PDB file of N, CA and C in Angstrom:
ATOM      1  N   MET A   1      -3.933  -8.201  28.797  1.00  0.00           N
ATOM      2  CA  MET A   1      -3.671  -6.873  28.283  1.00  0.00           C
ATOM      3  C   MET A   1      -5.004  -6.214  27.973  1.00  0.00           C
ATOM      4  N   SER A   2      -5.173  -4.971  28.394  1.00  0.00           N
ATOM      5  CA  SER A   2      -6.433  -4.280  28.145  1.00  0.00           C
ATOM      6  C   SER A   2      -6.471  -3.750  26.722  1.00  0.00           C
ATOM      7  N   ASP A   3      -7.640  -3.278  26.317  1.00  0.00           N
ATOM      8  CA  ASP A   3      -7.809  -2.763  24.961  1.00  0.00           C
ATOM      9  C   ASP A   3      -6.981  -1.513  24.712  1.00  0.00           C
ATOM     10  N   THR A   4      -6.608  -0.792  25.750  1.00  0.00           N
ATOM     11  CA  THR A   4      -5.858   0.448  25.575  1.00  0.00           C
ATOM     12  C   THR A   4      -4.351   0.246  25.624  1.00  0.00           C
ATOM     13  N   GLU A   5      -3.897  -0.903  26.075  1.00  0.00           N
ATOM     14  CA  GLU A   5      -2.464  -1.165  26.138  1.00  0.00           C
ATOM     15  C   GLU A   5      -1.938  -1.561  24.764  1.00  0.00           C
ATOM     16  N   THR A   6      -0.696  -1.236  24.524  1.00  0.00           N
ATOM     17  CA  THR A   6      -0.037  -1.604  23.283  1.00  0.00           C
ATOM     18  C   THR A   6       0.810  -2.836  23.529  1.00  0.00           C
ATOM     19  N   SER A   7       0.660  -3.843  22.671  1.00  0.00           N
ATOM     20  CA  SER A   7       1.473  -5.045  22.811  1.00  0.00           C
ATOM     21  C   SER A   7       2.901  -4.729  22.399  1.00  0.00           C
ATOM     22  N   PRO A   8       3.870  -5.536  22.841  1.00  0.00           N
ATOM     23  CA  PRO A   8       5.258  -5.292  22.443  1.00  0.00           C
ATOM     24  C   PRO A   8       5.437  -5.313  20.929  1.00  0.00           C
ATOM     25  N   ALA A   9       4.715  -6.192  20.245  1.00  0.00           N
ATOM     26  CA  ALA A   9       4.833  -6.245  18.787  1.00  0.00           C
ATOM     27  C   ALA A   9       4.247  -4.990  18.153  1.00  0.00           C
ATOM     28  N   GLU A  10       3.143  -4.480  18.708  1.00  0.00           N
ATOM     29  CA  GLU A  10       2.536  -3.268  18.170  1.00  0.00           C
ATOM     30  C   GLU A  10       3.395  -2.048  18.454  1.00  0.00           C
ATOM     31  N   ALA A  11       4.163  -2.089  19.523  1.00  0.00           N
ATOM     32  CA  ALA A  11       5.001  -0.956  19.887  1.00  0.00           C
ATOM     33  C   ALA A  11       6.123  -0.746  18.875  1.00  0.00           C
ATOM     34  N   VAL A  12       6.535  -1.815  18.213  1.00  0.00           N
ATOM     35  CA  VAL A  12       7.580  -1.731  17.208  1.00  0.00           C
ATOM     36  C   VAL A  12       6.940  -1.206  15.929  1.00  0.00           C
ATOM     37  N   GLU A  13       7.563  -0.250  15.313  1.00  0.00           N
ATOM     38  CA  GLU A  13       6.990   0.376  14.127  1.00  0.00           C
ATOM     39  C   GLU A  13       6.637  -0.670  13.074  1.00  0.00           C
ATOM     40  N   GLU A  14       5.389  -0.607  12.610  1.00  0.00           N
ATOM     41  CA  GLU A  14       4.875  -1.613  11.683  1.00  0.00           C
ATOM     42  C   GLU A  14       5.670  -1.701  10.386  1.00  0.00           C
ATOM     43  N   SER A  15       6.254  -0.617   9.934  1.00  0.00           N
ATOM     44  CA  SER A  15       6.955  -0.643   8.652  1.00  0.00           C
ATOM     45  C   SER A  15       8.244  -1.448   8.710  1.00  0.00           C
ATOM     46  N   THR A  16       8.768  -1.715   9.918  1.00  0.00           N
ATOM     47  CA  THR A  16      10.021  -2.456  10.013  1.00  0.00           C
ATOM     48  C   THR A  16       9.861  -3.828  10.632  1.00  0.00           C
ATOM     49  N   PHE A  17       8.715  -4.105  11.247  1.00  0.00           N
ATOM     50  CA  PHE A  17       8.548  -5.345  11.990  1.00  0.00           C
ATOM     51  C   PHE A  17       7.600  -6.290  11.276  1.00  0.00           C
ATOM     52  N   VAL A  18       8.016  -7.571  11.178  1.00  0.00           N
ATOM     53  CA  VAL A  18       7.163  -8.618  10.626  1.00  0.00           C
ATOM     54  C   VAL A  18       7.113  -9.743  11.642  1.00  0.00           C
ATOM     55  N   GLY A  19       5.918 -10.190  11.987  1.00  0.00           N
ATOM     56  CA  GLY A  19       5.769 -11.285  12.934  1.00  0.00           C
ATOM     57  C   GLY A  19       4.822 -12.331  12.397  1.00  0.00           C
ATOM     58  N   THR A  20       5.251 -13.584  12.384  1.00  0.00           N
ATOM     59  CA  THR A  20       4.397 -14.688  11.951  1.00  0.00           C
ATOM     60  C   THR A  20       4.585 -15.868  12.885  1.00  0.00           C
ATOM     61  N   THR A  21       3.519 -16.642  13.020  1.00  0.00           N
ATOM     62  CA  THR A  21       3.611 -17.843  13.840  1.00  0.00           C
ATOM     63  C   THR A  21       2.834 -18.974  13.192  1.00  0.00           C
ATOM     64  N   ALA A  22       3.421 -20.153  13.208  1.00  0.00           N
ATOM     65  CA  ALA A  22       2.745 -21.355  12.733  1.00  0.00           C
ATOM     66  C   ALA A  22       2.617 -22.357  13.863  1.00  0.00           C
ATOM     67  N   GLY A  23       3.243 -22.070  14.989  1.00  0.00           N
ATOM     68  CA  GLY A  23       3.230 -22.975  16.135  1.00  0.00           C
ATOM     69  C   GLY A  23       2.233 -22.527  17.181  1.00  0.00           C
ATOM     70  N   THR A  24       2.507 -22.895  18.421  1.00  0.00           N
ATOM     71  CA  THR A  24       1.577 -22.602  19.516  1.00  0.00           C
ATOM     72  C   THR A  24       1.956 -21.348  20.291  1.00  0.00           C
ATOM     73  N   VAL A  25       3.132 -20.785  20.041  1.00  0.00           N
ATOM     74  CA  VAL A  25       3.598 -19.597  20.758  1.00  0.00           C
ATOM     75  C   VAL A  25       3.224 -18.352  19.947  1.00  0.00           C
ATOM     76  N   ALA A  26       2.608 -17.388  20.589  1.00  0.00           N
ATOM     77  CA  ALA A  26       2.227 -16.144  19.923  1.00  0.00           C
ATOM     78  C   ALA A  26       3.424 -15.205  19.816  1.00  0.00           C
ATOM     79  N   VAL A  27       3.476 -14.464  18.729  1.00  0.00           N
ATOM     80  CA  VAL A  27       4.541 -13.488  18.536  1.00  0.00           C
ATOM     81  C   VAL A  27       4.554 -12.482  19.684  1.00  0.00           C
ATOM     82  N   ASP A  28       3.382 -12.039  20.127  1.00  0.00           N
ATOM     83  CA  ASP A  28       3.325 -11.082  21.244  1.00  0.00           C
ATOM     84  C   ASP A  28       3.949 -11.651  22.515  1.00  0.00           C
ATOM     85  N   ASP A  29       3.754 -12.952  22.757  1.00  0.00           N
ATOM     86  CA  ASP A  29       4.361 -13.571  23.946  1.00  0.00           C
ATOM     87  C   ASP A  29       5.879 -13.588  23.838  1.00  0.00           C
ATOM     88  N   LEU A  30       6.381 -13.872  22.643  1.00  0.00           N
ATOM     89  CA  LEU A  30       7.830 -13.877  22.443  1.00  0.00           C
ATOM     90  C   LEU A  30       8.382 -12.460  22.599  1.00  0.00           C
ATOM     91  N   MET A  31       7.705 -11.478  22.025  1.00  0.00           N
ATOM     92  CA  MET A  31       8.154 -10.094  22.147  1.00  0.00           C
ATOM     93  C   MET A  31       8.124  -9.643  23.604  1.00  0.00           C
ATOM     94  N   GLU A  32       7.115 -10.077  24.331  1.00  0.00           N
ATOM     95  CA  GLU A  32       7.025  -9.749  25.766  1.00  0.00           C
ATOM     96  C   GLU A  32       8.247 -10.302  26.503  1.00  0.00           C
ATOM     97  N   ALA A  33       8.641 -11.525  26.180  1.00  0.00           N
ATOM     98  CA  ALA A  33       9.822 -12.130  26.811  1.00  0.00           C
ATOM     99  C   ALA A  33      11.091 -11.361  26.441  1.00  0.00           C
ATOM    100  N   LEU A  34      11.149 -10.866  25.211  1.00  0.00           N
ATOM    101  CA  LEU A  34      12.341 -10.151  24.752  1.00  0.00           C
ATOM    102  C   LEU A  34      12.496  -8.776  25.396  1.00  0.00           C
ATOM    103  N   LEU A  35      11.465  -8.319  26.097  1.00  0.00           N
ATOM    104  CA  LEU A  35      11.599  -7.073  26.855  1.00  0.00           C
ATOM    105  C   LEU A  35      12.645  -7.204  27.964  1.00  0.00           C
ATOM    106  N   ASP A  36      12.988  -8.448  28.308  1.00  0.00           N
ATOM    107  CA  ASP A  36      14.016  -8.702  29.326  1.00  0.00           C
ATOM    108  C   ASP A  36      15.432  -8.696  28.757  1.00  0.00           C
ATOM    109  N   VAL A  37      15.556  -8.542  27.441  1.00  0.00           N
ATOM    110  CA  VAL A  37      16.872  -8.510  26.793  1.00  0.00           C
ATOM    111  C   VAL A  37      17.288  -7.052  26.671  1.00  0.00           C
ATOM    112  N   VAL A  38      18.322  -6.697  27.400  1.00  0.00           N
ATOM    113  CA  VAL A  38      18.728  -5.297  27.509  1.00  0.00           C
ATOM    114  C   VAL A  38      20.047  -5.074  26.777  1.00  0.00           C
ATOM    115  N   ASP A  39      20.078  -4.028  25.972  1.00  0.00           N
ATOM    116  CA  ASP A  39      21.323  -3.622  25.329  1.00  0.00           C
ATOM    117  C   ASP A  39      22.283  -3.201  26.441  1.00  0.00           C
ATOM    118  N   PRO A  40      23.421  -3.892  26.579  1.00  0.00           N
ATOM    119  CA  PRO A  40      24.320  -3.631  27.712  1.00  0.00           C
ATOM    120  C   PRO A  40      24.908  -2.222  27.737  1.00  0.00           C
ATOM    121  N   GLU A  41      25.021  -1.595  26.585  1.00  0.00           N
ATOM    122  CA  GLU A  41      25.606  -0.254  26.549  1.00  0.00           C
ATOM    123  C   GLU A  41      24.596   0.835  26.882  1.00  0.00           C
ATOM    124  N   LEU A  42      23.342   0.646  26.446  1.00  0.00           N
ATOM    125  CA  LEU A  42      22.329   1.686  26.642  1.00  0.00           C
ATOM    126  C   LEU A  42      21.415   1.418  27.830  1.00  0.00           C
ATOM    127  N   GLY A  43      21.318   0.167  28.252  1.00  0.00           N
ATOM    128  CA  GLY A  43      20.465  -0.161  29.382  1.00  0.00           C
ATOM    129  C   GLY A  43      18.981  -0.171  29.058  1.00  0.00           C
ATOM    130  N   ILE A  44      18.624  -0.264  27.789  1.00  0.00           N
ATOM    131  CA  ILE A  44      17.235  -0.283  27.327  1.00  0.00           C
ATOM    132  C   ILE A  44      17.014  -1.602  26.586  1.00  0.00           C
ATOM    133  N   ASP A  45      15.801  -2.148  26.709  1.00  0.00           N
ATOM    134  CA  ASP A  45      15.534  -3.439  26.061  1.00  0.00           C
ATOM    135  C   ASP A  45      15.551  -3.323  24.540  1.00  0.00           C
ATOM    136  N   VAL A  46      15.851  -4.447  23.892  1.00  0.00           N
ATOM    137  CA  VAL A  46      16.012  -4.486  22.442  1.00  0.00           C
ATOM    138  C   VAL A  46      14.705  -4.252  21.693  1.00  0.00           C
ATOM    139  N   VAL A  47      13.567  -4.541  22.331  1.00  0.00           N
ATOM    140  CA  VAL A  47      12.273  -4.311  21.682  1.00  0.00           C
ATOM    141  C   VAL A  47      12.032  -2.813  21.553  1.00  0.00           C
ATOM    142  N   ASN A  48      12.154  -2.090  22.644  1.00  0.00           N
ATOM    143  CA  ASN A  48      11.888  -0.651  22.618  1.00  0.00           C
ATOM    144  C   ASN A  48      12.971   0.151  21.907  1.00  0.00           C
ATOM    145  N   LEU A  49      14.157  -0.419  21.776  1.00  0.00           N
ATOM    146  CA  LEU A  49      15.186   0.233  20.959  1.00  0.00           C
ATOM    147  C   LEU A  49      14.907   0.072  19.471  1.00  0.00           C
ATOM    148  N   GLY A  50      13.979  -0.821  19.126  1.00  0.00           N
ATOM    149  CA  GLY A  50      13.659  -1.049  17.716  1.00  0.00           C
ATOM    150  C   GLY A  50      14.669  -1.941  17.019  1.00  0.00           C
ATOM    151  N   LEU A  51      15.337  -2.802  17.787  1.00  0.00           N
ATOM    152  CA  LEU A  51      16.359  -3.681  17.214  1.00  0.00           C
ATOM    153  C   LEU A  51      15.780  -4.974  16.633  1.00  0.00           C
ATOM    154  N   ILE A  52      14.522  -5.270  16.935  1.00  0.00           N
ATOM    155  CA  ILE A  52      13.874  -6.476  16.405  1.00  0.00           C
ATOM    156  C   ILE A  52      13.157  -6.092  15.122  1.00  0.00           C
ATOM    157  N   TYR A  53      13.573  -6.690  14.019  1.00  0.00           N
ATOM    158  CA  TYR A  53      12.956  -6.395  12.724  1.00  0.00           C
ATOM    159  C   TYR A  53      11.912  -7.431  12.337  1.00  0.00           C
ATOM    160  N   GLY A  54      12.034  -8.637  12.874  1.00  0.00           N
ATOM    161  CA  GLY A  54      11.064  -9.656  12.513  1.00  0.00           C
ATOM    162  C   GLY A  54      11.168 -10.869  13.407  1.00  0.00           C
ATOM    163  N   VAL A  55      10.033 -11.578  13.525  1.00  0.00           N
ATOM    164  CA  VAL A  55       9.963 -12.811  14.303  1.00  0.00           C
ATOM    165  C   VAL A  55       9.171 -13.819  13.502  1.00  0.00           C
ATOM    166  N   HIS A  56       9.698 -15.014  13.399  1.00  0.00           N
ATOM    167  CA  HIS A  56       8.948 -16.109  12.798  1.00  0.00           C
ATOM    168  C   HIS A  56       9.027 -17.297  13.746  1.00  0.00           C
ATOM    169  N   ILE A  57       7.873 -17.849  14.071  1.00  0.00           N
ATOM    170  CA  ILE A  57       7.818 -19.034  14.915  1.00  0.00           C
ATOM    171  C   ILE A  57       7.219 -20.151  14.081  1.00  0.00           C
ATOM    172  N   ASP A  58       8.002 -21.219  13.886  1.00  0.00           N
ATOM    173  CA  ASP A  58       7.521 -22.305  13.018  1.00  0.00           C
ATOM    174  C   ASP A  58       6.616 -23.267  13.781  1.00  0.00           C
ATOM    175  N   GLU A  59       6.140 -24.280  13.074  1.00  0.00           N
ATOM    176  CA  GLU A  59       5.182 -25.238  13.644  1.00  0.00           C
ATOM    177  C   GLU A  59       5.768 -26.055  14.792  1.00  0.00           C
ATOM    178  N   SER A  60       7.089 -26.088  14.905  1.00  0.00           N
ATOM    179  CA  SER A  60       7.756 -26.792  16.011  1.00  0.00           C
ATOM    180  C   SER A  60       8.105 -25.849  17.160  1.00  0.00           C
ATOM    181  N   ASP A  61       7.584 -24.637  17.123  1.00  0.00           N
ATOM    182  CA  ASP A  61       7.875 -23.603  18.122  1.00  0.00           C
ATOM    183  C   ASP A  61       9.356 -23.251  18.193  1.00  0.00           C
ATOM    184  N   VAL A  62      10.001 -23.260  17.027  1.00  0.00           N
ATOM    185  CA  VAL A  62      11.365 -22.755  16.897  1.00  0.00           C
ATOM    186  C   VAL A  62      11.239 -21.325  16.387  1.00  0.00           C
ATOM    187  N   ALA A  63      11.789 -20.385  17.146  1.00  0.00           N
ATOM    188  CA  ALA A  63      11.684 -18.970  16.799  1.00  0.00           C
ATOM    189  C   ALA A  63      12.952 -18.497  16.104  1.00  0.00           C
ATOM    190  N   THR A  64      12.759 -17.740  15.038  1.00  0.00           N
ATOM    191  CA  THR A  64      13.854 -17.070  14.358  1.00  0.00           C
ATOM    192  C   THR A  64      13.579 -15.580  14.440  1.00  0.00           C
ATOM    193  N   ILE A  65      14.542 -14.864  14.981  1.00  0.00           N
ATOM    194  CA  ILE A  65      14.406 -13.419  15.163  1.00  0.00           C
ATOM    195  C   ILE A  65      15.375 -12.723  14.220  1.00  0.00           C
ATOM    196  N   ASP A  66      14.853 -11.796  13.433  1.00  0.00           N
ATOM    197  CA  ASP A  66      15.704 -10.902  12.654  1.00  0.00           C
ATOM    198  C   ASP A  66      15.988  -9.717  13.553  1.00  0.00           C
ATOM    199  N   MET A  67      17.252  -9.544  13.881  1.00  0.00           N
ATOM    200  CA  MET A  67      17.638  -8.509  14.835  1.00  0.00           C
ATOM    201  C   MET A  67      18.851  -7.766  14.310  1.00  0.00           C
ATOM    202  N   THR A  68      18.925  -6.504  14.654  1.00  0.00           N
ATOM    203  CA  THR A  68      20.084  -5.697  14.321  1.00  0.00           C
ATOM    204  C   THR A  68      20.672  -5.140  15.605  1.00  0.00           C
ATOM    205  N   LEU A  69      21.691  -4.367  15.487  1.00  0.00           N
ATOM    206  CA  LEU A  69      22.312  -3.707  16.628  1.00  0.00           C
ATOM    207  C   LEU A  69      22.457  -2.224  16.305  1.00  0.00           C
ATOM    208  N   THR A  70      22.701  -1.427  17.313  1.00  0.00           N
ATOM    209  CA  THR A  70      22.854   0.005  17.083  1.00  0.00           C
ATOM    210  C   THR A  70      24.086   0.288  16.234  1.00  0.00           C
ATOM    211  N   SER A  71      25.031  -0.649  16.235  1.00  0.00           N
ATOM    212  CA  SER A  71      26.246  -0.515  15.437  1.00  0.00           C
ATOM    213  C   SER A  71      26.689  -1.900  14.985  1.00  0.00           C
ATOM    214  N   ALA A  72      27.062  -2.021  13.720  1.00  0.00           N
ATOM    215  CA  ALA A  72      27.543  -3.309  13.200  1.00  0.00           C
ATOM    216  C   ALA A  72      28.831  -3.738  13.896  1.00  0.00           C
ATOM    217  N   ALA A  73      29.539  -2.790  14.488  1.00  0.00           N
ATOM    218  CA  ALA A  73      30.795  -3.092  15.171  1.00  0.00           C
ATOM    219  C   ALA A  73      30.586  -3.465  16.637  1.00  0.00           C
ATOM    220  N   CYS A  74      29.350  -3.590  17.071  1.00  0.00           N
ATOM    221  CA  CYS A  74      29.064  -3.895  18.476  1.00  0.00           C
ATOM    222  C   CYS A  74      29.687  -5.235  18.861  1.00  0.00           C
ATOM    223  N   PRO A  75      30.504  -5.266  19.910  1.00  0.00           N
ATOM    224  CA  PRO A  75      31.160  -6.510  20.318  1.00  0.00           C
ATOM    225  C   PRO A  75      30.306  -7.371  21.260  1.00  0.00           C
ATOM    226  N   LEU A  76      29.056  -6.976  21.492  1.00  0.00           N
ATOM    227  CA  LEU A  76      28.261  -7.618  22.530  1.00  0.00           C
ATOM    228  C   LEU A  76      27.186  -8.564  21.998  1.00  0.00           C
ATOM    229  N   THR A  77      27.346  -9.061  20.778  1.00  0.00           N
ATOM    230  CA  THR A  77      26.327  -9.962  20.222  1.00  0.00           C
ATOM    231  C   THR A  77      26.159 -11.210  21.084  1.00  0.00           C
ATOM    232  N   ASP A  78      27.247 -11.744  21.616  1.00  0.00           N
ATOM    233  CA  ASP A  78      27.156 -12.944  22.448  1.00  0.00           C
ATOM    234  C   ASP A  78      26.340 -12.685  23.714  1.00  0.00           C
ATOM    235  N   VAL A  79      26.515 -11.526  24.319  1.00  0.00           N
ATOM    236  CA  VAL A  79      25.778 -11.167  25.535  1.00  0.00           C
ATOM    237  C   VAL A  79      24.289 -11.079  25.218  1.00  0.00           C
ATOM    238  N   ILE A  80      23.951 -10.423  24.125  1.00  0.00           N
ATOM    239  CA  ILE A  80      22.548 -10.264  23.737  1.00  0.00           C
ATOM    240  C   ILE A  80      21.940 -11.611  23.372  1.00  0.00           C
ATOM    241  N   GLU A  81      22.687 -12.450  22.662  1.00  0.00           N
ATOM    242  CA  GLU A  81      22.187 -13.791  22.324  1.00  0.00           C
ATOM    243  C   GLU A  81      21.924 -14.603  23.592  1.00  0.00           C
ATOM    244  N   ASP A  82      22.834 -14.564  24.542  1.00  0.00           N
ATOM    245  CA  ASP A  82      22.645 -15.297  25.803  1.00  0.00           C
ATOM    246  C   ASP A  82      21.415 -14.793  26.551  1.00  0.00           C
ATOM    247  N   GLN A  83      21.247 -13.481  26.620  1.00  0.00           N
ATOM    248  CA  GLN A  83      20.074 -12.920  27.278  1.00  0.00           C
ATOM    249  C   GLN A  83      18.785 -13.361  26.582  1.00  0.00           C
ATOM    250  N   ALA A  84      18.792 -13.357  25.248  1.00  0.00           N
ATOM    251  CA  ALA A  84      17.596 -13.733  24.485  1.00  0.00           C
ATOM    252  C   ALA A  84      17.254 -15.202  24.712  1.00  0.00           C
ATOM    253  N   ARG A  85      18.253 -16.054  24.741  1.00  0.00           N
ATOM    254  CA  ARG A  85      17.999 -17.482  24.998  1.00  0.00           C
ATOM    255  C   ARG A  85      17.438 -17.691  26.408  1.00  0.00           C
ATOM    256  N   THR A  86      18.001 -16.993  27.375  1.00  0.00           N
ATOM    257  CA  THR A  86      17.510 -17.097  28.750  1.00  0.00           C
ATOM    258  C   THR A  86      16.076 -16.583  28.856  1.00  0.00           C
ATOM    259  N   ALA A  87      15.795 -15.458  28.212  1.00  0.00           N
ATOM    260  CA  ALA A  87      14.469 -14.840  28.295  1.00  0.00           C
ATOM    261  C   ALA A  87      13.386 -15.699  27.647  1.00  0.00           C
ATOM    262  N   THR A  88      13.761 -16.474  26.637  1.00  0.00           N
ATOM    263  CA  THR A  88      12.765 -17.263  25.901  1.00  0.00           C
ATOM    264  C   THR A  88      12.801 -18.747  26.253  1.00  0.00           C
ATOM    265  N   ASP A  89      13.685 -19.118  27.170  1.00  0.00           N
ATOM    266  CA  ASP A  89      13.787 -20.513  27.596  1.00  0.00           C
ATOM    267  C   ASP A  89      12.455 -20.967  28.201  1.00  0.00           C
ATOM    268  N   GLY A  90      11.951 -22.078  27.721  1.00  0.00           N
ATOM    269  CA  GLY A  90      10.675 -22.597  28.200  1.00  0.00           C
ATOM    270  C   GLY A  90       9.488 -22.073  27.408  1.00  0.00           C
ATOM    271  N   LEU A  91       9.692 -21.006  26.667  1.00  0.00           N
ATOM    272  CA  LEU A  91       8.620 -20.452  25.839  1.00  0.00           C
ATOM    273  C   LEU A  91       8.657 -21.065  24.442  1.00  0.00           C
ATOM    274  N   VAL A  92       9.855 -21.118  23.857  1.00  0.00           N
ATOM    275  CA  VAL A  92      10.033 -21.729  22.539  1.00  0.00           C
ATOM    276  C   VAL A  92      10.989 -22.911  22.662  1.00  0.00           C
ATOM    277  N   GLN A  93      10.935 -23.791  21.703  1.00  0.00           N
ATOM    278  CA  GLN A  93      11.813 -24.965  21.708  1.00  0.00           C
ATOM    279  C   GLN A  93      13.264 -24.583  21.444  1.00  0.00           C
ATOM    280  N   ASN A  94      13.448 -23.606  20.566  1.00  0.00           N
ATOM    281  CA  ASN A  94      14.793 -23.159  20.217  1.00  0.00           C
ATOM    282  C   ASN A  94      14.680 -21.726  19.721  1.00  0.00           C
ATOM    283  N   LEU A  95      15.751 -20.985  19.840  1.00  0.00           N
ATOM    284  CA  LEU A  95      15.784 -19.600  19.389  1.00  0.00           C
ATOM    285  C   LEU A  95      16.980 -19.418  18.467  1.00  0.00           C
ATOM    286  N   ARG A  96      16.711 -18.843  17.322  1.00  0.00           N
ATOM    287  CA  ARG A  96      17.772 -18.510  16.367  1.00  0.00           C
ATOM    288  C   ARG A  96      17.745 -17.009  16.147  1.00  0.00           C
ATOM    289  N   ILE A  97      18.906 -16.407  16.131  1.00  0.00           N
ATOM    290  CA  ILE A  97      18.984 -14.977  15.838  1.00  0.00           C
ATOM    291  C   ILE A  97      19.684 -14.806  14.505  1.00  0.00           C
ATOM    292  N   ASN A  98      18.991 -14.142  13.606  1.00  0.00           N
ATOM    293  CA  ASN A  98      19.519 -13.804  12.296  1.00  0.00           C
ATOM    294  C   ASN A  98      19.929 -12.333  12.355  1.00  0.00           C
ATOM    295  N   TRP A  99      21.227 -12.070  12.459  1.00  0.00           N
ATOM    296  CA  TRP A  99      21.707 -10.693  12.540  1.00  0.00           C
ATOM    297  C   TRP A  99      21.601 -10.058  11.175  1.00  0.00           C
ATOM    298  N   VAL A 100      20.899  -8.933  11.097  1.00  0.00           N
ATOM    299  CA  VAL A 100      20.688  -8.229   9.832  1.00  0.00           C
ATOM    300  C   VAL A 100      21.165  -6.786   9.966  1.00  0.00           C
ATOM    301  N   TRP A 101      21.545  -6.223   8.847  1.00  0.00           N
ATOM    302  CA  TRP A 101      22.085  -4.856   8.858  1.00  0.00           C
ATOM    303  C   TRP A 101      21.327  -3.921   7.930  1.00  0.00           C
ATOM    304  N   MET A 102      20.347  -4.457   7.233  1.00  0.00           N
ATOM    305  CA  MET A 102      19.522  -3.644   6.346  1.00  0.00           C
ATOM    306  C   MET A 102      18.069  -3.842   6.713  1.00  0.00           C
ATOM    307  N   PRO A 103      17.274  -2.833   6.878  1.00  0.00           N
ATOM    308  CA  PRO A 103      17.731  -1.445   6.824  1.00  0.00           C
ATOM    309  C   PRO A 103      18.577  -1.118   8.050  1.00  0.00           C
ATOM    310  N   PRO A 104      19.474  -0.187   7.904  1.00  0.00           N
ATOM    311  CA  PRO A 104      20.314   0.166   9.044  1.00  0.00           C
ATOM    312  C   PRO A 104      19.458   0.720  10.183  1.00  0.00           C
ATOM    313  N   TRP A 105      19.882   0.421  11.409  1.00  0.00           N
ATOM    314  CA  TRP A 105      19.176   0.937  12.571  1.00  0.00           C
ATOM    315  C   TRP A 105      19.450   2.425  12.707  1.00  0.00           C
ATOM    316  N   GLY A 106      18.467   3.137  13.194  1.00  0.00           N
ATOM    317  CA  GLY A 106      18.622   4.555  13.496  1.00  0.00           C
ATOM    318  C   GLY A 106      17.712   4.914  14.659  1.00  0.00           C
ATOM    319  N   PRO A 107      17.935   6.052  15.279  1.00  0.00           N
ATOM    320  CA  PRO A 107      17.126   6.467  16.421  1.00  0.00           C
ATOM    321  C   PRO A 107      15.634   6.555  16.101  1.00  0.00           C
ATOM    322  N   ASP A 108      15.272   6.686  14.836  1.00  0.00           N
ATOM    323  CA  ASP A 108      13.862   6.746  14.445  1.00  0.00           C
ATOM    324  C   ASP A 108      13.128   5.432  14.739  1.00  0.00           C
ATOM    325  N   LYS A 109      13.856   4.353  14.957  1.00  0.00           N
ATOM    326  CA  LYS A 109      13.248   3.049  15.222  1.00  0.00           C
ATOM    327  C   LYS A 109      12.898   2.840  16.698  1.00  0.00           C
ATOM    328  N   ILE A 110      13.356   3.740  17.563  1.00  0.00           N
ATOM    329  CA  ILE A 110      13.082   3.629  18.997  1.00  0.00           C
ATOM    330  C   ILE A 110      11.599   3.928  19.246  1.00  0.00           C
ATOM    331  N   THR A 111      10.959   3.101  20.058  1.00  0.00           N
ATOM    332  CA  THR A 111       9.547   3.324  20.393  1.00  0.00           C
ATOM    333  C   THR A 111       9.409   4.512  21.342  1.00  0.00           C
ATOM    334  N   ASP A 112       8.188   4.962  21.515  1.00  0.00           N
ATOM    335  CA  ASP A 112       7.937   6.053  22.471  1.00  0.00           C
ATOM    336  C   ASP A 112       8.376   5.653  23.880  1.00  0.00           C
ATOM    337  N   ASP A 113       8.081   4.397  24.275  1.00  0.00           N
ATOM    338  CA  ASP A 113       8.518   3.917  25.588  1.00  0.00           C
ATOM    339  C   ASP A 113      10.044   3.919  25.692  1.00  0.00           C
ATOM    340  N   GLY A 114      10.705   3.505  24.622  1.00  0.00           N
ATOM    341  CA  GLY A 114      12.166   3.506  24.607  1.00  0.00           C
ATOM    342  C   GLY A 114      12.732   4.905  24.740  1.00  0.00           C
ATOM    343  N   ARG A 115      12.099   5.881  24.077  1.00  0.00           N
ATOM    344  CA  ARG A 115      12.541   7.276  24.190  1.00  0.00           C
ATOM    345  C   ARG A 115      12.381   7.774  25.628  1.00  0.00           C
ATOM    346  N   ASP A 116      11.250   7.419  26.246  1.00  0.00           N
ATOM    347  CA  ASP A 116      11.031   7.812  27.643  1.00  0.00           C
ATOM    348  C   ASP A 116      12.106   7.209  28.547  1.00  0.00           C
ATOM    349  N   GLN A 117      12.452   5.958  28.299  1.00  0.00           N
ATOM    350  CA  GLN A 117      13.468   5.295  29.114  1.00  0.00           C
ATOM    351  C   GLN A 117      14.837   5.954  28.910  1.00  0.00           C
ATOM    352  N   LEU A 118      15.163   6.284  27.673  1.00  0.00           N
ATOM    353  CA  LEU A 118      16.443   6.934  27.399  1.00  0.00           C
ATOM    354  C   LEU A 118      16.501   8.322  28.029  1.00  0.00           C
ATOM    355  N   ARG A 119      15.400   9.062  27.959  1.00  0.00           N
ATOM    356  CA  ARG A 119      15.368  10.384  28.598  1.00  0.00           C
ATOM    357  C   ARG A 119      15.568  10.268  30.107  1.00  0.00           C
ATOM    358  N   ALA A 120      14.988   9.227  30.708  1.00  0.00           N
ATOM    359  CA  ALA A 120      15.136   9.020  32.152  1.00  0.00           C
ATOM    360  C   ALA A 120      16.592   8.746  32.513  1.00  0.00           C
ATOM    361  N   LEU A 121      17.354   8.212  31.555  1.00  0.00           N
ATOM    362  CA  LEU A 121      18.766   7.939  31.783  1.00  0.00           C
ATOM    363  C   LEU A 121      19.647   9.138  31.431  1.00  0.00           C
ATOM    364  N   GLY A 122      19.023  10.220  30.954  1.00  0.00           N
ATOM    365  CA  GLY A 122      19.788  11.420  30.646  1.00  0.00           C
ATOM    366  C   GLY A 122      20.125  11.625  29.183  1.00  0.00           C
ATOM    367  N   PHE A 123      19.635  10.734  28.302  1.00  0.00           N
ATOM    368  CA  PHE A 123      19.880  10.905  26.872  1.00  0.00           C
ATOM    369  C   PHE A 123      18.910  11.932  26.302  1.00  0.00           C
ATOM    370  N   ASN A 124      19.345  12.669  25.323  1.00  0.00           N
ATOM    371  CA  ASN A 124      18.508  13.664  24.662  1.00  0.00           C
ATOM    372  C   ASN A 124      18.004  13.078  23.341  1.00  0.00           C
ATOM    373  N   VAL A 125      16.806  12.497  23.382  1.00  0.00           N
ATOM    374  CA  VAL A 125      16.212  11.904  22.174  1.00  0.00           C
ATOM    375  C   VAL A 125      14.848  12.478  21.896  1.00  0.00           C
TER     376      VAL A 125
END
């Protein structure tokens, strides 16, 4: 990554995102892998939607992700969990998703890249 590029972790607003690692896997590498996890309803990855609130990777390379959804009533948690496990397979030893609802998600959490992607799909953001 060049000095002018923004890492996936940096792209997520600093006030809502916490990333720590005690193992050998970098938070940026995990966030990069999570770019492959797409919200099935919106067609945009969970990182740029601002759905990742925190990542902790322990000394055994077990990752715990604090993640929310655009709606607490979303029936697609299993799909997103499966995508996240597939995307991080081989990178971490295990992946745990801690579904959180506070602070509530809102469009203000979408990154600039996410807004560009939504506009390309015809959304007015």
